[in-house]
C-alpha atoms as a PDB file:
ATOM      1  CA  MET A   1     -17.867   5.569 -61.715  1.00  0.00           C
ATOM      2  CA  ASN A   2     -20.636   4.828 -59.184  1.00  0.00           C
ATOM      3  CA  THR A   3     -21.850   1.168 -59.622  1.00  0.00           C
ATOM      4  CA  ALA A   4     -25.980   1.391 -58.951  1.00  0.00           C
ATOM      5  CA  ILE A   5     -25.946   3.893 -62.007  1.00  0.00           C
ATOM      6  CA  THR A   6     -23.689   1.267 -64.156  1.00  0.00           C
ATOM      7  CA  LEU A   7     -26.205  -1.722 -63.026  1.00  0.00           C
ATOM      8  CA  ALA A   8     -28.759   0.662 -63.065  1.00  0.00           C
ATOM      9  CA  THR A   9     -27.637   1.471 -66.914  1.00  0.00           C
ATOM     10  CA  THR A  10     -26.480  -2.329 -67.922  1.00  0.00           C
ATOM     11  CA  ARG A  11     -30.584  -3.821 -66.068  1.00  0.00           C
ATOM     12  CA  ARG A  12     -32.365  -0.691 -68.074  1.00  0.00           C
ATOM     13  CA  ILE A  13     -30.180  -1.931 -72.110  1.00  0.00           C
ATOM     14  CA  LEU A  14     -31.124  -5.734 -71.426  1.00  0.00           C
ATOM     15  CA  ALA A  15     -34.611  -4.687 -70.641  1.00  0.00           C
ATOM     16  CA  GLN A  16     -35.175  -2.886 -73.833  1.00  0.00           C
ATOM     17  CA  LEU A  17     -33.079  -6.100 -75.679  1.00  0.00           C
ATOM     18  CA  ARG A  18     -35.721  -8.473 -73.360  1.00  0.00           C
ATOM     19  CA  HIS A  19     -38.503  -6.670 -75.551  1.00  0.00           C
ATOM     20  CA  ASP A  20     -36.961  -5.882 -79.106  1.00  0.00           C
ATOM     21  CA  ARG A  21     -37.879  -9.063 -80.238  1.00  0.00           C
ATOM     22  CA  ARG A  22     -36.031  -8.408 -83.821  1.00  0.00           C
ATOM     23  CA  THR A  23     -33.045  -7.635 -81.628  1.00  0.00           C
ATOM     24  CA  VAL A  24     -32.786 -10.300 -80.200  1.00  0.00           C
ATOM     25  CA  ALA A  25     -32.884 -13.172 -83.570  1.00  0.00           C
ATOM     26  CA  LEU A  26     -31.105 -10.686 -84.729  1.00  0.00           C
ATOM     27  CA  LEU A  27     -28.137 -11.696 -81.628  1.00  0.00           C
ATOM     28  CA  ILE A  28     -29.372 -15.408 -81.580  1.00  0.00           C
ATOM     29  CA  VAL A  29     -31.320 -16.982 -84.743  1.00  0.00           C
ATOM     30  CA  VAL A  30     -29.592 -15.571 -86.735  1.00  0.00           C
ATOM     31  CA  PRO A  31     -25.811 -16.693 -86.114  1.00  0.00           C
ATOM     32  CA  SER A  32     -27.725 -20.035 -85.529  1.00  0.00           C
ATOM     33  CA  LEU A  33     -29.091 -20.781 -88.578  1.00  0.00           C
ATOM     34  CA  LEU A  34     -26.250 -19.131 -90.909  1.00  0.00           C
ATOM     35  CA  MET A  35     -23.760 -22.396 -88.800  1.00  0.00           C
ATOM     36  CA  VAL A  36     -26.639 -24.835 -89.710  1.00  0.00           C
ATOM     37  CA  LEU A  37     -26.300 -22.920 -93.202  1.00  0.00           C
ATOM     38  CA  LEU A  38     -21.649 -23.245 -93.305  1.00  0.00           C
ATOM     39  CA  ARG A  39     -22.525 -27.525 -91.753  1.00  0.00           C
ATOM     40  CA  TYR A  40     -24.994 -27.859 -94.972  1.00  0.00           C
ATOM     41  CA  VAL A  41     -22.469 -26.548 -96.773  1.00  0.00           C
ATOM     42  CA  TYR A  42     -19.311 -27.879 -96.380  1.00  0.00           C
ATOM     43  CA  GLN A  43     -20.403 -31.705 -96.494  1.00  0.00           C
ATOM     44  CA  GLN A  44     -16.966 -32.559 -94.773  1.00  0.00           C
ATOM     45  CA  PRO A  45     -16.460 -32.614 -91.224  1.00  0.00           C
ATOM     46  CA  ALA A  46     -13.341 -31.034 -90.677  1.00  0.00           C
ATOM     47  CA  MET A  47     -13.941 -28.186 -92.742  1.00  0.00           C
ATOM     48  CA  PHE A  48     -16.703 -27.509 -90.588  1.00  0.00           C
ATOM     49  CA  ASP A  49     -14.731 -28.273 -87.550  1.00  0.00           C
ATOM     50  CA  ARG A  50     -11.875 -25.993 -89.703  1.00  0.00           C
ATOM     51  CA  LEU A  51     -13.623 -22.534 -89.740  1.00  0.00           C
ATOM     52  CA  GLY A  52     -16.542 -22.903 -87.475  1.00  0.00           C
ATOM     53  CA  PRO A  53     -14.646 -21.323 -84.586  1.00  0.00           C
ATOM     54  CA  MET A  54     -13.206 -18.750 -86.643  1.00  0.00           C
ATOM     55  CA  LEU A  55     -17.200 -17.389 -87.093  1.00  0.00           C
ATOM     56  CA  LEU A  56     -18.565 -18.534 -83.897  1.00  0.00           C
ATOM     57  CA  GLY A  57     -15.357 -15.398 -83.472  1.00  0.00           C
ATOM     58  CA  LEU A  58     -16.352 -13.265 -86.119  1.00  0.00           C
ATOM     59  CA  PHE A  59     -20.864 -13.727 -86.002  1.00  0.00           C
ATOM     60  CA  PRO A  60     -20.301 -11.928 -82.054  1.00  0.00           C
ATOM     61  CA  PHE A  61     -18.149  -9.504 -83.149  1.00  0.00           C
ATOM     62  CA  VAL A  62     -20.258  -8.719 -86.543  1.00  0.00           C
ATOM     63  CA  VAL A  63     -23.776  -8.560 -84.297  1.00  0.00           C
ATOM     64  CA  MET A  64     -22.439  -6.599 -81.388  1.00  0.00           C
ATOM     65  CA  PHE A  65     -21.873  -3.127 -83.981  1.00  0.00           C
ATOM     66  CA  VAL A  66     -24.433  -2.898 -85.807  1.00  0.00           C
ATOM     67  CA  VAL A  67     -26.724  -3.531 -82.520  1.00  0.00           C
ATOM     68  CA  THR A  68     -24.642  -1.080 -80.465  1.00  0.00           C
ATOM     69  CA  SER A  69     -24.175   1.337 -83.412  1.00  0.00           C
ATOM     70  CA  VAL A  70     -27.872   2.184 -84.134  1.00  0.00           C
ATOM     71  CA  ALA A  71     -29.173   1.515 -80.412  1.00  0.00           C
ATOM     72  CA  THR A  72     -26.324   3.854 -79.226  1.00  0.00           C
ATOM     73  CA  LEU A  73     -27.694   6.417 -82.239  1.00  0.00           C
ATOM     74  CA  ARG A  74     -31.684   5.538 -80.908  1.00  0.00           C
ATOM     75  CA  GLU A  75     -30.660   6.635 -77.767  1.00  0.00           C
ATOM     76  CA  ARG A  76     -29.468  10.255 -79.279  1.00  0.00           C
ATOM     77  CA  THR A  77     -31.946  10.851 -81.792  1.00  0.00           C
ATOM     78  CA  GLY A  78     -34.695  10.224 -79.184  1.00  0.00           C
ATOM     79  CA  GLY A  79     -33.564  12.586 -76.667  1.00  0.00           C
ATOM     80  CA  THR A  80     -32.824   9.252 -73.970  1.00  0.00           C
ATOM     81  CA  LEU A  81     -29.208   9.834 -73.807  1.00  0.00           C
ATOM     82  CA  GLU A  82     -29.646  13.690 -73.169  1.00  0.00           C
ATOM     83  CA  ARG A  83     -31.884  12.387 -70.578  1.00  0.00           C
ATOM     84  CA  LEU A  84     -29.959  10.020 -68.909  1.00  0.00           C
ATOM     85  CA  MET A  85     -26.211  12.800 -69.444  1.00  0.00           C
ATOM     86  CA  SER A  86     -28.597  15.751 -67.537  1.00  0.00           C
ATOM     87  CA  MET A  87     -28.582  13.542 -64.449  1.00  0.00           C
ATOM     88  CA  PRO A  88     -25.936  12.126 -62.551  1.00  0.00           C
ATOM     89  CA  LEU A  89     -24.103   9.768 -64.512  1.00  0.00           C
ATOM     90  CA  GLY A  90     -20.832   9.793 -66.154  1.00  0.00           C
ATOM     91  CA  LYS A  91     -18.843   8.836 -69.905  1.00  0.00           C
ATOM     92  CA  LEU A  92     -17.790   5.552 -67.574  1.00  0.00           C
ATOM     93  CA  ASP A  93     -21.521   4.514 -66.520  1.00  0.00           C
ATOM     94  CA  LEU A  94     -22.870   4.814 -69.515  1.00  0.00           C
ATOM     95  CA  LEU A  95     -19.889   2.793 -71.319  1.00  0.00           C
ATOM     96  CA  VAL A  96     -19.250  -0.252 -68.760  1.00  0.00           C
ATOM     97  CA  GLY A  97     -23.133  -0.633 -68.666  1.00  0.00           C
ATOM     98  CA  TYR A  98     -23.425  -0.845 -72.321  1.00  0.00           C
ATOM     99  CA  ALA A  99     -20.463  -3.557 -71.840  1.00  0.00           C
ATOM    100  CA  LEU A 100     -22.218  -5.443 -69.181  1.00  0.00           C
ATOM    101  CA  ALA A 101     -24.754  -5.832 -70.767  1.00  0.00           C
ATOM    102  CA  PHE A 102     -23.828  -6.756 -74.507  1.00  0.00           C
ATOM    103  CA  GLY A 103     -21.007  -8.786 -72.546  1.00  0.00           C
ATOM    104  CA  LEU A 104     -24.846 -10.767 -70.904  1.00  0.00           C
ATOM    105  CA  ALA A 105     -26.085 -10.986 -74.775  1.00  0.00           C
ATOM    106  CA  ALA A 106     -23.238 -11.936 -76.516  1.00  0.00           C
ATOM    107  CA  LEU A 107     -22.388 -15.228 -73.785  1.00  0.00           C
ATOM    108  CA  VAL A 108     -26.295 -16.220 -74.559  1.00  0.00           C
ATOM    109  CA  GLN A 109     -25.336 -15.699 -78.195  1.00  0.00           C
ATOM    110  CA  VAL A 110     -22.407 -17.658 -78.136  1.00  0.00           C
ATOM    111  CA  GLY A 111     -23.877 -20.005 -75.714  1.00  0.00           C
ATOM    112  CA  VAL A 112     -26.580 -21.359 -77.597  1.00  0.00           C
ATOM    113  CA  VAL A 113     -25.066 -20.959 -81.172  1.00  0.00           C
ATOM    114  CA  LEU A 114     -21.838 -23.279 -79.191  1.00  0.00           C
ATOM    115  CA  LEU A 115     -25.304 -25.546 -77.915  1.00  0.00           C
ATOM    116  CA  ILE A 116     -26.795 -26.203 -80.840  1.00  0.00           C
ATOM    117  CA  SER A 117     -22.810 -26.542 -82.958  1.00  0.00           C
ATOM    118  CA  LEU A 118     -22.120 -29.413 -80.134  1.00  0.00           C
ATOM    119  CA  THR A 119     -24.216 -31.574 -80.572  1.00  0.00           C
ATOM    120  CA  TRP A 120     -26.896 -30.974 -83.887  1.00  0.00           C
ATOM    121  CA  LEU A 121     -24.054 -30.173 -86.192  1.00  0.00           C
ATOM    122  CA  GLY A 122     -21.708 -31.988 -84.892  1.00  0.00           C
ATOM    123  CA  LEU A 123     -18.236 -29.502 -84.230  1.00  0.00           C
ATOM    124  CA  ASP A 124     -15.136 -30.750 -82.820  1.00  0.00           C
ATOM    125  CA  LEU A 125     -13.470 -28.976 -81.148  1.00  0.00           C
ATOM    126  CA  THR A 126      -9.830 -29.593 -79.959  1.00  0.00           C
ATOM    127  CA  GLY A 127      -9.005 -26.841 -77.834  1.00  0.00           C
ATOM    128  CA  SER A 128     -10.756 -25.731 -74.272  1.00  0.00           C
ATOM    129  CA  LEU A 129     -14.423 -24.601 -74.045  1.00  0.00           C
ATOM    130  CA  GLY A 130     -13.981 -22.244 -71.796  1.00  0.00           C
ATOM    131  CA  SER A 131     -11.166 -20.223 -73.897  1.00  0.00           C
ATOM    132  CA  LEU A 132     -13.499 -20.321 -76.713  1.00  0.00           C
ATOM    133  CA  VAL A 133     -16.050 -17.973 -74.663  1.00  0.00           C
ATOM    134  CA  LEU A 134     -13.140 -16.627 -73.120  1.00  0.00           C
ATOM    135  CA  VAL A 135     -12.066 -14.900 -77.177  1.00  0.00           C
ATOM    136  CA  ALA A 136     -16.704 -14.547 -78.166  1.00  0.00           C
ATOM    137  CA  VAL A 137     -17.302 -12.744 -75.706  1.00  0.00           C
ATOM    138  CA  LEU A 138     -14.113 -10.553 -76.039  1.00  0.00           C
ATOM    139  CA  ASP A 139     -14.692  -9.968 -79.990  1.00  0.00           C
ATOM    140  CA  ALA A 140     -18.236  -9.615 -79.059  1.00  0.00           C
ATOM    141  CA  LEU A 141     -16.781  -6.477 -76.746  1.00  0.00           C
ATOM    142  CA  LEU A 142     -14.540  -4.843 -79.400  1.00  0.00           C
ATOM    143  CA  GLY A 143     -17.739  -4.552 -82.033  1.00  0.00           C
ATOM    144  CA  MET A 144     -20.035  -3.255 -78.678  1.00  0.00           C
ATOM    145  CA  ALA A 145     -16.780  -0.709 -78.349  1.00  0.00           C
ATOM    146  CA  LEU A 146     -16.044  -0.240 -82.290  1.00  0.00           C
ATOM    147  CA  GLY A 147     -19.973   1.144 -82.534  1.00  0.00           C
ATOM    148  CA  LEU A 148     -20.414   2.782 -79.763  1.00  0.00           C
ATOM    149  CA  PHE A 149     -16.988   5.047 -81.122  1.00  0.00           C
ATOM    150  CA  ALA A 150     -18.851   4.849 -84.910  1.00  0.00           C
ATOM    151  CA  SER A 151     -22.251   5.544 -83.753  1.00  0.00           C
ATOM    152  CA  ALA A 152     -20.438   9.145 -83.240  1.00  0.00           C
ATOM    153  CA  PHE A 153     -19.687  10.209 -86.428  1.00  0.00           C
ATOM    154  CA  ALA A 154     -23.758   9.391 -88.552  1.00  0.00           C
ATOM    155  CA  ARG A 155     -27.061  10.979 -88.051  1.00  0.00           C
ATOM    156  CA  THR A 156     -29.231   8.664 -89.078  1.00  0.00           C
ATOM    157  CA  GLU A 157     -29.944   4.872 -88.137  1.00  0.00           C
ATOM    158  CA  PHE A 158     -29.242   4.510 -91.547  1.00  0.00           C
ATOM    159  CA  GLN A 159     -25.808   5.939 -91.297  1.00  0.00           C
ATOM    160  CA  ALA A 160     -24.913   3.945 -88.534  1.00  0.00           C
ATOM    161  CA  VAL A 161     -25.043   0.441 -90.317  1.00  0.00           C
ATOM    162  CA  GLN A 162     -22.644   1.914 -92.926  1.00  0.00           C
ATOM    163  CA  PHE A 163     -19.928   2.098 -91.328  1.00  0.00           C
ATOM    164  CA  MET A 164     -19.648  -1.793 -91.588  1.00  0.00           C
ATOM    165  CA  PRO A 165     -18.377  -2.001 -95.274  1.00  0.00           C
ATOM    166  CA  ALA A 166     -15.958   0.852 -93.755  1.00  0.00           C
ATOM    167  CA  LEU A 167     -14.696  -1.005 -90.592  1.00  0.00           C
ATOM    168  CA  VAL A 168     -15.904  -4.863 -90.782  1.00  0.00           C
ATOM    169  CA  LEU A 169     -15.498  -6.058 -94.019  1.00  0.00           C
ATOM    170  CA  PRO A 170     -12.034  -4.830 -94.787  1.00  0.00           C
ATOM    171  CA  GLN A 171     -10.717  -6.817 -91.366  1.00  0.00           C
ATOM    172  CA  ALA A 172     -12.610 -10.187 -92.153  1.00  0.00           C
ATOM    173  CA  LEU A 173     -11.331  -9.960 -95.681  1.00  0.00           C
ATOM    174  CA  LEU A 174      -7.485  -9.723 -94.117  1.00  0.00           C
ATOM    175  CA  CYS A 175      -7.964 -11.668 -90.857  1.00  0.00           C
ATOM    176  CA  GLY A 176      -7.175 -14.452 -92.128  1.00  0.00           C
ATOM    177  CA  LEU A 177     -10.416 -16.071 -92.322  1.00  0.00           C
ATOM    178  CA  ILE A 178     -10.457 -15.992 -96.265  1.00  0.00           C
ATOM    179  CA  LEU A 179      -7.103 -16.888 -97.258  1.00  0.00           C
ATOM    180  CA  PRO A 180      -4.642 -17.752 -94.954  1.00  0.00           C
ATOM    181  CA  ARG A 181      -2.454 -14.028 -93.933  1.00  0.00           C
ATOM    182  CA  ASP A 182       1.463 -15.304 -94.526  1.00  0.00           C
ATOM    183  CA  GLN A 183       0.444 -15.692 -98.812  1.00  0.00           C
ATOM    184  CA  MET A 184      -1.055 -12.393 -99.102  1.00  0.00           C
ATOM    185  CA  ALA A 185       0.936  -9.387-100.652  1.00  0.00           C
ATOM    186  CA  GLY A 186       3.376  -8.204 -98.106  1.00  0.00           C
ATOM    187  CA  TRP A 187       1.594  -4.588 -97.636  1.00  0.00           C
ATOM    188  CA  LEU A 188      -1.836  -6.984 -96.977  1.00  0.00           C
ATOM    189  CA  GLU A 189      -0.992  -8.284 -94.709  1.00  0.00           C
ATOM    190  CA  ALA A 190       1.164  -5.857 -92.585  1.00  0.00           C
ATOM    191  CA  ILE A 191      -2.145  -3.936 -92.543  1.00  0.00           C
ATOM    192  CA  SER A 192      -4.049  -7.197 -91.425  1.00  0.00           C
ATOM    193  CA  ARG A 193      -0.877  -6.952 -88.487  1.00  0.00           C
ATOM    194  CA  VAL A 194      -3.237  -3.382 -86.433  1.00  0.00           C
ATOM    195  CA  LEU A 195      -6.596  -5.357 -87.357  1.00  0.00           C
ATOM    196  CA  PRO A 196      -8.463  -6.212 -83.866  1.00  0.00           C
ATOM    197  CA  LEU A 197      -9.932  -9.162 -86.157  1.00  0.00           C
ATOM    198  CA  THR A 198      -6.804 -11.016 -87.006  1.00  0.00           C
ATOM    199  CA  TYR A 199      -6.350 -12.106 -83.818  1.00  0.00           C
ATOM    200  CA  ALA A 200      -9.845 -12.453 -83.188  1.00  0.00           C
ATOM    201  CA  VAL A 201      -9.723 -15.501 -85.823  1.00  0.00           C
ATOM    202  CA  GLN A 202      -6.113 -15.987 -85.007  1.00  0.00           C
ATOM    203  CA  GLY A 203      -7.018 -16.947 -81.156  1.00  0.00           C
ATOM    204  CA  MET A 204     -10.241 -19.342 -82.778  1.00  0.00           C
ATOM    205  CA  GLN A 205      -7.157 -21.133 -85.105  1.00  0.00           C
ATOM    206  CA  GLU A 206      -5.311 -21.469 -81.439  1.00  0.00           C
ATOM    207  CA  ILE A 207      -8.522 -22.885 -79.976  1.00  0.00           C
ATOM    208  CA  SER A 208      -9.573 -24.958 -83.016  1.00  0.00           C
ATOM    209  CA  THR A 209      -6.195 -26.636 -83.483  1.00  0.00           C
ATOM    210  CA  ARG A 210      -4.986 -26.891 -80.041  1.00  0.00           C
ATOM    211  CA  PRO A 211      -6.357 -28.461 -76.462  1.00  0.00           C
ATOM    212  CA  ARG A 212      -3.671 -25.748 -74.270  1.00  0.00           C
ATOM    213  CA  PHE A 213      -4.247 -22.347 -74.166  1.00  0.00           C
ATOM    214  CA  THR A 214      -0.939 -21.131 -75.826  1.00  0.00           C
ATOM    215  CA  GLY A 215       1.576 -18.984 -75.740  1.00  0.00           C
ATOM    216  CA  THR A 216      -0.231 -16.824 -79.351  1.00  0.00           C
ATOM    217  CA  LEU A 217      -3.568 -17.559 -77.802  1.00  0.00           C
ATOM    218  CA  ALA A 218      -2.683 -15.064 -74.731  1.00  0.00           C
ATOM    219  CA  THR A 219      -1.359 -12.782 -76.918  1.00  0.00           C
ATOM    220  CA  ASP A 220      -4.146 -13.060 -79.322  1.00  0.00           C
ATOM    221  CA  VAL A 221      -6.871 -12.253 -76.158  1.00  0.00           C
ATOM    222  CA  ALA A 222      -4.576  -9.250 -74.412  1.00  0.00           C
ATOM    223  CA  VAL A 223      -4.396  -7.404 -78.210  1.00  0.00           C
ATOM    224  CA  ILE A 224      -8.224  -7.641 -78.926  1.00  0.00           C
ATOM    225  CA  ALA A 225      -8.662  -6.667 -74.684  1.00  0.00           C
ATOM    226  CA  ALA A 226      -5.911  -3.295 -75.740  1.00  0.00           C
ATOM    227  CA  PHE A 227      -8.362  -3.137 -78.767  1.00  0.00           C
ATOM    228  CA  THR A 228     -11.522  -2.571 -76.952  1.00  0.00           C
ATOM    229  CA  VAL A 229      -9.910  -0.470 -74.409  1.00  0.00           C
ATOM    230  CA  VAL A 230      -9.160   1.981 -76.606  1.00  0.00           C
ATOM    231  CA  ALA A 231     -12.142   1.936 -78.780  1.00  0.00           C
ATOM    232  CA  LEU A 232     -14.542   2.512 -75.562  1.00  0.00           C
ATOM    233  CA  LEU A 233     -11.728   5.208 -74.503  1.00  0.00           C
ATOM    234  CA  LEU A 234     -12.763   6.771 -78.622  1.00  0.00           C
ATOM    235  CA  GLY A 235     -15.574   6.650 -77.334  1.00  0.00           C
ATOM    236  CA  ALA A 236     -16.318   7.833 -74.519  1.00  0.00           C
ATOM    237  CA  ALA A 237     -13.966  11.033 -76.566  1.00  0.00           C
ATOM    238  CA  THR A 238     -16.521  11.617 -78.851  1.00  0.00           C
ATOM    239  CA  LEU A 239     -19.971  10.494 -77.185  1.00  0.00           C
ATOM    240  CA  ARG A 240     -22.702  13.305 -77.212  1.00  0.00           C
ATOM    241  CA  ARG A 241     -25.538  13.900 -75.562  1.00  0.00           C
ATOM    242  CA  ARG A 242     -27.715  14.061 -79.478  1.00  0.00           C
ATOM    243  CA  THR A 243     -26.769  14.313 -82.384  1.00  0.00           C
ATOM    244  CA  PRO A 244     -26.853  17.437 -84.674  1.00  0.00           C
END
């Protein structure tokens, strides 16, 4: 991996994001509006304090999956990826460049949503703010890695978005956000144990209820990071210069 090429890739992606107002709105404005909506849907602050941190882990995952899958497919169909890979640019340079760029975008996203949630909306966070940011950024990187992987199987941007119901919605249903996992059917709980979003939500639950960095949270962070690395390796294995 060449550090200069990787950083150049990161700067290029950040520049593209900065000039794409719709993507910026999807990254920052939409999650903030959803948190405001959630706060006023639940009139009881205790309910918002319980669900708010979990959604702070879910939003980066979903948004980065959509943005990355569409952006990667657009570069491939437009010929940009083919031109880049004809230069001394390795797959690892490209993937790490994407990870750095979207990791920074996730930091901005989480920072804005947290600022609104902790001040205007009055979110009461029991755990460490740093732990919450760490898990949220890891969730964003996981969504980015899965988006890169999914984009290899799509030929149009519409097809890329269609992968979200297949890869994201089942995880959202089984991760414990809607119903505690121990209250699900046994076979559903077993499936939830192998889904990365389960550990993202579980980590956010730990942060919202525990003041310290617990062993369970450390396990959740390690599992999310491992899933992210595996998804990046799968993305590298399926990365093609162009869509047939």
